[in-house]
Protein backbone atom coordinates (compact mmCIF):
# COMPACT_ATOMS: atom_id res chain seq x y z
CA MET A 1 -17.72 126.55 -39.38
CA THR A 2 -21.44 126.64 -40.12
CA LEU A 3 -24.00 124.65 -42.11
CA ARG A 4 -26.94 126.61 -43.47
CA PRO A 5 -29.60 126.35 -46.18
CA ALA A 6 -28.49 127.63 -49.57
CA ARG A 7 -30.00 130.96 -50.64
CA ILE A 8 -31.00 132.14 -54.10
CA GLU A 9 -28.25 134.74 -54.11
CA ASP A 10 -25.72 131.92 -53.54
CA CYS A 11 -26.56 130.16 -56.81
CA PRO A 12 -23.78 131.60 -59.05
CA ALA A 13 -21.08 131.04 -56.42
CA LEU A 14 -22.32 127.55 -55.63
CA THR A 15 -22.47 126.55 -59.28
CA ASP A 16 -18.88 127.78 -59.61
CA LEU A 17 -17.86 125.73 -56.56
CA VAL A 18 -19.50 122.58 -57.95
CA MET A 19 -17.92 123.00 -61.38
CA ARG A 20 -14.46 123.64 -59.94
CA SER A 21 -14.82 120.63 -57.69
CA LYS A 22 -15.76 118.42 -60.65
CA ALA A 23 -12.93 119.80 -62.78
CA TYR A 24 -10.44 119.04 -59.98
CA TRP A 25 -10.28 115.47 -61.30
CA GLY A 26 -8.86 116.54 -64.66
CA TYR A 27 -11.92 116.55 -66.90
CA ASP A 28 -11.59 118.57 -70.11
CA ALA A 29 -13.64 121.63 -71.04
CA ALA A 30 -16.01 119.74 -73.34
CA PHE A 31 -16.83 117.19 -70.62
CA MET A 32 -17.38 119.92 -68.06
CA GLU A 33 -19.73 121.80 -70.34
CA SER A 34 -21.79 118.65 -70.86
CA CYS A 35 -22.24 118.43 -67.06
CA ARG A 36 -23.14 122.06 -66.46
CA GLU A 37 -26.92 121.82 -66.69
CA GLU A 38 -27.06 118.72 -64.48
CA LEU A 39 -24.82 120.26 -61.81
CA ALA A 40 -26.00 123.89 -61.81
CA VAL A 41 -27.33 125.30 -58.55
CA THR A 42 -30.42 127.23 -59.59
CA PRO A 43 -33.41 128.84 -57.87
CA GLU A 44 -35.51 126.01 -59.30
CA ARG A 45 -33.28 123.44 -57.57
CA LEU A 46 -33.49 125.29 -54.26
CA ALA A 47 -37.28 125.36 -54.54
CA THR A 48 -37.57 121.60 -54.91
CA GLN A 49 -34.50 120.08 -53.18
CA PRO A 50 -33.09 120.44 -49.66
CA CYS A 51 -29.72 122.11 -50.25
CA PHE A 52 -27.19 123.07 -47.58
CA VAL A 53 -23.91 124.97 -47.65
CA LEU A 54 -20.91 124.41 -45.39
CA GLU A 55 -18.97 127.60 -44.64
CA ARG A 56 -15.49 127.83 -43.17
CA ASP A 57 -14.18 131.21 -42.07
CA GLY A 58 -17.07 132.85 -43.89
CA ARG A 59 -16.32 131.17 -47.23
CA MET A 60 -18.27 128.43 -48.96
CA ALA A 61 -16.45 125.11 -48.56
CA GLY A 62 -19.02 122.56 -49.70
CA ILE A 63 -22.59 121.80 -50.68
CA TRP A 64 -25.08 118.94 -50.59
CA ALA A 65 -28.52 118.60 -52.17
CA LEU A 66 -31.14 115.85 -52.12
CA ASP A 67 -33.69 114.87 -54.74
CA LEU A 68 -36.77 113.69 -52.85
CA SER A 69 -39.01 113.19 -55.87
CA GLY A 70 -38.63 109.41 -56.08
CA GLU A 71 -39.47 106.52 -53.81
CA VAL A 72 -35.91 106.55 -52.43
CA PRO A 73 -34.07 109.90 -52.00
CA GLU A 74 -31.12 110.57 -54.33
CA VAL A 75 -27.97 112.55 -53.66
CA ALA A 76 -28.24 115.32 -56.23
CA LEU A 77 -25.08 117.21 -55.22
CA MET A 78 -22.19 116.42 -52.85
CA PHE A 79 -19.17 118.61 -53.55
CA SER A 80 -16.29 120.18 -51.65
CA ASP A 81 -14.39 123.22 -52.79
CA PRO A 82 -11.08 121.97 -54.28
CA ALA A 83 -9.16 123.77 -51.52
CA HIS A 84 -10.92 121.54 -48.97
CA ILE A 85 -10.86 118.17 -50.74
CA GLY A 86 -9.30 115.67 -48.34
CA SER A 87 -9.80 117.91 -45.31
CA GLY A 88 -12.93 116.25 -43.90
CA VAL A 89 -15.49 118.57 -45.50
CA GLY A 90 -17.04 115.68 -47.44
CA ARG A 91 -17.50 113.66 -44.25
CA ILE A 92 -19.21 116.60 -42.53
CA LEU A 93 -21.51 117.14 -45.52
CA TRP A 94 -22.42 113.45 -45.62
CA GLN A 95 -23.18 113.26 -41.90
CA HIS A 96 -25.30 116.42 -42.05
CA MET A 97 -27.22 115.12 -45.06
CA THR A 98 -27.98 111.74 -43.48
CA ALA A 99 -29.10 113.51 -40.30
CA LYS A 100 -31.54 115.48 -42.45
CA LEU A 101 -32.78 112.24 -44.00
CA ARG A 102 -33.47 110.78 -40.57
CA ARG A 103 -35.39 113.92 -39.59
CA LEU A 104 -37.48 113.46 -42.74
CA GLY A 105 -38.20 109.84 -41.81
CA GLN A 106 -36.19 108.46 -44.71
CA GLY A 107 -34.27 105.21 -44.17
CA ARG A 108 -32.23 104.96 -47.38
CA VAL A 109 -30.45 107.12 -49.93
CA ARG A 110 -29.03 106.32 -53.37
CA LEU A 111 -26.53 107.94 -55.70
CA ASP A 112 -24.55 107.50 -58.90
CA ALA A 113 -20.88 108.03 -58.08
CA ASP A 114 -18.21 109.71 -60.13
CA PRO A 115 -15.35 107.17 -60.32
CA ASN A 116 -13.10 109.53 -58.37
CA ALA A 117 -15.64 109.69 -55.54
CA GLU A 118 -16.19 105.94 -55.19
CA PRO A 119 -13.63 105.50 -52.36
CA PHE A 120 -15.23 108.35 -50.40
CA TYR A 121 -18.75 106.91 -50.64
CA GLU A 122 -17.50 103.46 -49.68
CA ARG A 123 -15.81 104.95 -46.60
CA MET A 124 -19.14 106.54 -45.72
CA GLY A 125 -20.68 103.05 -45.67
CA CYS A 126 -22.31 102.96 -49.12
CA TRP A 127 -22.53 99.69 -51.03
CA GLN A 128 -22.90 99.12 -54.76
CA ILE A 129 -26.33 98.03 -55.99
CA GLY A 130 -25.73 98.23 -59.75
CA THR A 131 -24.77 100.68 -62.49
CA ASN A 132 -26.47 103.58 -64.20
CA ALA A 133 -25.83 105.78 -67.24
CA SER A 134 -25.11 109.44 -66.51
CA PRO A 135 -27.90 111.59 -67.99
CA SER A 136 -25.42 114.27 -69.04
CA THR A 137 -22.39 112.33 -70.30
CA GLY A 138 -23.65 108.79 -70.89
CA ARG A 139 -20.85 107.32 -68.76
CA ILE A 140 -21.70 104.13 -66.90
CA LEU A 141 -21.41 104.94 -63.21
CA LYS A 142 -21.54 102.72 -60.15
CA ARG A 143 -24.84 103.04 -58.32
CA TYR A 144 -24.73 103.02 -54.53
CA GLU A 145 -27.14 102.83 -51.63
CA ALA A 146 -26.64 103.76 -47.99
CA ASP A 147 -28.54 103.20 -44.76
CA ALA A 148 -29.59 106.58 -43.38
CA ALA A 149 -29.77 105.08 -39.88
CA VAL A 150 -25.96 104.90 -39.90
CA VAL A 151 -24.79 108.02 -38.07
CA LEU A 152 -21.03 107.46 -38.11
CA THR A 153 -18.50 105.12 -39.64
CA THR A 154 -14.88 104.82 -38.49
CA GLU A 155 -12.06 102.54 -39.53
CA ARG A 156 -13.49 99.64 -37.50
CA LEU A 157 -16.93 100.72 -36.30
CA ILE A 158 -20.45 101.61 -37.34
CA LEU A 159 -22.60 103.73 -35.02
CA ARG A 160 -26.22 103.31 -35.99
CA CYS A 161 -29.59 104.47 -34.68
CA TYR A 162 -31.55 101.90 -32.72
CA ALA A 163 -34.65 100.41 -34.29
CA PRO A 164 -37.82 99.28 -32.48
CA GLY A 165 -37.37 95.79 -31.07
CA GLU A 166 -33.58 95.97 -30.92
CA ASP A 167 -33.59 95.62 -27.13
CA GLU A 168 -33.38 91.82 -27.40
CA ALA A 169 -30.04 92.04 -29.22
CA LEU A 170 -28.69 94.63 -26.76
CA TYR A 171 -29.81 92.78 -23.64
CA PRO A 172 -26.78 90.42 -23.37
CA ILE A 173 -24.47 93.46 -23.18
CA MET A 174 -26.41 95.69 -20.80
CA SER A 175 -27.35 92.81 -18.48
CA ASP A 176 -23.75 91.59 -18.18
CA PRO A 177 -22.41 92.26 -14.67
CA THR A 178 -18.81 92.65 -15.83
CA THR A 179 -19.64 95.06 -18.65
CA MET A 180 -21.91 97.11 -16.38
CA ARG A 181 -19.77 96.98 -13.24
CA PHE A 182 -19.41 100.77 -13.04
CA TRP A 183 -23.14 101.40 -13.48
CA PRO A 184 -25.63 101.30 -10.58
CA GLN A 185 -26.59 97.78 -11.66
CA PRO A 186 -26.97 95.68 -14.82
CA TYR A 187 -30.16 96.31 -16.75
CA ASP A 188 -33.06 93.88 -16.75
CA ARG A 189 -35.14 93.30 -19.89
CA ALA A 190 -37.57 96.09 -19.11
CA GLY A 191 -34.68 98.46 -18.53
CA VAL A 192 -33.05 97.62 -21.87
CA THR A 193 -36.40 98.08 -23.64
CA GLY A 194 -36.74 101.49 -22.01
CA TRP A 195 -33.16 102.38 -22.98
CA VAL A 196 -33.74 101.64 -26.67
CA ASN A 197 -37.11 103.38 -26.77
CA ARG A 198 -35.68 106.44 -25.02
CA TRP A 199 -33.12 106.95 -27.78
CA ILE A 200 -35.57 106.37 -30.59
CA ASP A 201 -37.63 109.21 -29.08
CA SER A 202 -34.51 111.34 -28.66
CA TYR A 203 -33.57 111.06 -32.33
CA ALA A 204 -36.82 112.80 -33.21
CA GLU A 205 -36.66 115.32 -30.36
CA ASN A 206 -32.95 116.20 -30.32
CA GLY A 207 -31.43 114.80 -33.50
CA TYR A 208 -29.11 112.57 -31.49
CA GLY A 209 -29.01 110.03 -28.68
CA ARG A 210 -27.22 106.80 -27.91
CA TRP A 211 -26.42 104.52 -30.84
CA ALA A 212 -25.68 100.86 -31.43
CA MET A 213 -21.95 100.19 -31.89
CA LEU A 214 -21.14 97.46 -34.41
CA ASP A 215 -18.00 95.95 -35.88
CA ARG A 216 -17.81 97.39 -39.39
CA GLU A 217 -16.48 94.20 -40.96
CA THR A 218 -18.51 91.53 -39.19
CA GLY A 219 -21.59 93.40 -37.92
CA GLN A 220 -20.94 92.01 -34.44
CA ARG A 221 -22.45 94.14 -31.66
CA ILE A 222 -19.65 95.68 -29.58
CA GLY A 223 -21.54 98.10 -27.37
CA ASP A 224 -23.40 101.38 -27.20
CA ALA A 225 -22.22 104.98 -27.46
CA GLY A 226 -23.54 108.45 -28.10
CA LEU A 227 -24.97 111.59 -26.55
CA ILE A 228 -27.32 112.10 -23.61
CA PRO A 229 -28.92 115.45 -22.78
CA MET A 230 -29.05 115.69 -18.99
CA VAL A 231 -28.58 117.88 -15.95
CA LEU A 232 -25.31 117.40 -14.06
CA MET A 233 -24.12 119.56 -11.19
CA GLY A 234 -27.01 121.93 -11.86
CA GLN A 235 -26.01 122.40 -15.51
CA GLU A 236 -27.89 121.38 -18.67
CA VAL A 237 -25.27 119.44 -20.60
CA VAL A 238 -24.81 116.89 -23.35
CA ASP A 239 -22.93 113.88 -22.05
CA LEU A 240 -20.72 111.76 -24.32
CA GLY A 241 -20.95 108.18 -23.13
CA TYR A 242 -19.80 104.72 -24.18
CA ILE A 243 -20.43 101.15 -23.08
CA ILE A 244 -18.04 98.56 -24.51
CA HIS A 245 -18.92 94.90 -23.95
CA HIS A 246 -16.14 93.43 -21.81
CA PRO A 247 -14.78 90.95 -24.43
CA TYR A 248 -13.78 94.05 -26.46
CA TRP A 249 -12.11 96.04 -23.68
CA ARG A 250 -8.59 97.42 -24.17
CA GLN A 251 -8.77 97.35 -27.97
CA GLY A 252 -9.26 101.07 -28.54
CA TYR A 253 -12.92 100.90 -29.52
CA ALA A 254 -14.10 103.46 -26.95
CA VAL A 255 -11.53 106.05 -28.06
CA GLU A 256 -12.34 105.42 -31.73
CA ALA A 257 -16.07 105.88 -31.12
CA ALA A 258 -15.69 108.83 -28.76
CA ALA A 259 -13.43 110.75 -31.14
CA ALA A 260 -15.90 110.30 -34.00
CA ILE A 261 -18.82 111.38 -31.78
CA ARG A 262 -16.86 114.44 -30.59
CA ASP A 263 -16.20 115.55 -34.17
CA HIS A 264 -19.82 114.92 -35.21
CA SER A 265 -21.09 116.83 -32.17
CA PHE A 266 -19.00 119.91 -32.90
CA GLU A 267 -18.87 119.93 -36.71
CA VAL A 268 -22.32 118.66 -37.66
CA LEU A 269 -24.59 119.17 -34.65
CA GLY A 270 -22.88 122.41 -33.62
CA LEU A 271 -23.02 121.61 -29.90
CA PRO A 272 -21.13 124.20 -27.84
CA ARG A 273 -19.77 121.78 -25.24
CA LEU A 274 -19.50 118.10 -24.40
CA VAL A 275 -19.07 116.54 -21.00
CA ALA A 276 -18.41 113.06 -19.68
CA ASN A 277 -18.82 111.64 -16.22
CA MET A 278 -17.50 108.44 -14.73
CA ALA A 279 -17.00 106.78 -11.36
CA HIS A 280 -13.78 107.88 -9.66
CA ASP A 281 -12.30 104.39 -9.99
CA HIS A 282 -13.24 103.92 -13.66
CA THR A 283 -9.75 104.77 -14.88
CA GLY A 284 -10.34 103.33 -18.34
CA SER A 285 -13.26 105.67 -18.99
CA ALA A 286 -11.28 108.65 -17.70
CA ARG A 287 -8.42 107.82 -20.08
CA VAL A 288 -10.85 107.73 -23.00
CA ALA A 289 -12.15 111.19 -22.09
CA GLU A 290 -8.61 112.53 -21.85
CA LYS A 291 -7.57 110.97 -25.15
CA VAL A 292 -10.35 112.82 -26.98
CA GLY A 293 -9.29 116.14 -25.44
CA MET A 294 -11.47 116.43 -22.36
CA VAL A 295 -10.16 117.74 -19.05
CA LYS A 296 -11.45 117.08 -15.54
CA VAL A 297 -13.22 120.18 -14.26
CA ALA A 298 -14.96 118.93 -11.12
CA GLU A 299 -15.81 116.03 -8.81
CA PHE A 300 -19.19 115.33 -7.22
CA ASP A 301 -21.14 112.65 -5.42
CA ASN A 302 -23.47 111.25 -8.06
CA PRO A 303 -27.06 110.65 -6.90
CA ARG A 304 -27.70 108.76 -10.16
CA ASN A 305 -24.99 106.23 -9.31
CA ARG A 306 -25.13 105.23 -5.63
CA ASN A 307 -23.79 108.66 -4.55
CA ILE A 308 -20.27 107.52 -5.38
CA ARG A 309 -17.52 110.01 -6.13
CA THR A 310 -17.72 110.92 -9.80
CA PHE A 311 -15.35 112.77 -12.11
CA PHE A 312 -16.77 115.46 -14.40
CA TYR A 313 -14.89 116.06 -17.67
CA ALA A 314 -15.62 118.73 -20.28
CA LEU A 315 -14.52 119.97 -23.69
CA ASP A 316 -15.65 123.17 -25.42
CA ASN A 317 -16.33 123.29 -29.14
CA PRO A 318 -13.25 124.96 -30.69
CA ASN A 319 -15.40 126.14 -33.61
CA ALA A 320 -17.95 127.94 -31.42
CA GLY A 321 -18.07 131.70 -31.46
CA PRO A 322 -17.53 133.88 -28.41
């Protein structure tokens, strides 16, 4: 599976994909013809809009495009091939598009949703801000907005990029001795400030980092999770990590977050491998790693954590080539 910029020679096939995806919902020929100009993938679109194609097994499976001409970016296209509707292609496209927005320094995105796509956009964390008339059909469509800082949404969680000044809200978690019992020590205020600033820098440098973990329904801060580029056992690796505040232990939040991060890492970021490391007696963390498919490949004495015995887990990207 690959994500790549659309090319001019792709335009006929991509227009066909978009039209077939739209027609999947039972629209008649007259309606589809009225949409054609608005939905066509043309060289002119590629010259003015970021446009990316998702390929599976060498075949086009989906497309997204952004209109950046206004004050707030607009989703111009977001379509999956009908053969892949319901298979997770839409989620991958959305995550890739919002990652692009963050790279461009954009904090929000808006769209007018086909009624059949409303549940998908709401699952992606969009909220309705009004209605708008379709320029091609005149239908009144729900208008949505989304926060581009939101990296991942799951059934119960939001994983969102840190913002400057967020260290004060994170401090009660990372300074808690129970929550941080397997770390070298709880963080002081300066340490939490450095933690937040480190990941803000990493978003720009690497496209990922650690993220704030929030309850999707209440907005309550549950912890921190994400990806850390580091050197472990002489290897340059990307470490999948998670800190769950102790009042939320044993409720499945770490597994839920880690599974979503694993999929994002492999499907959207294209990372070849993920690792995790934890103290030998941190059985809960080891179980999380195992539940998301990791296997223990080594043990070592960790100079970053009091030289205690540490387990090293790893998982290769199943989509990576040889």
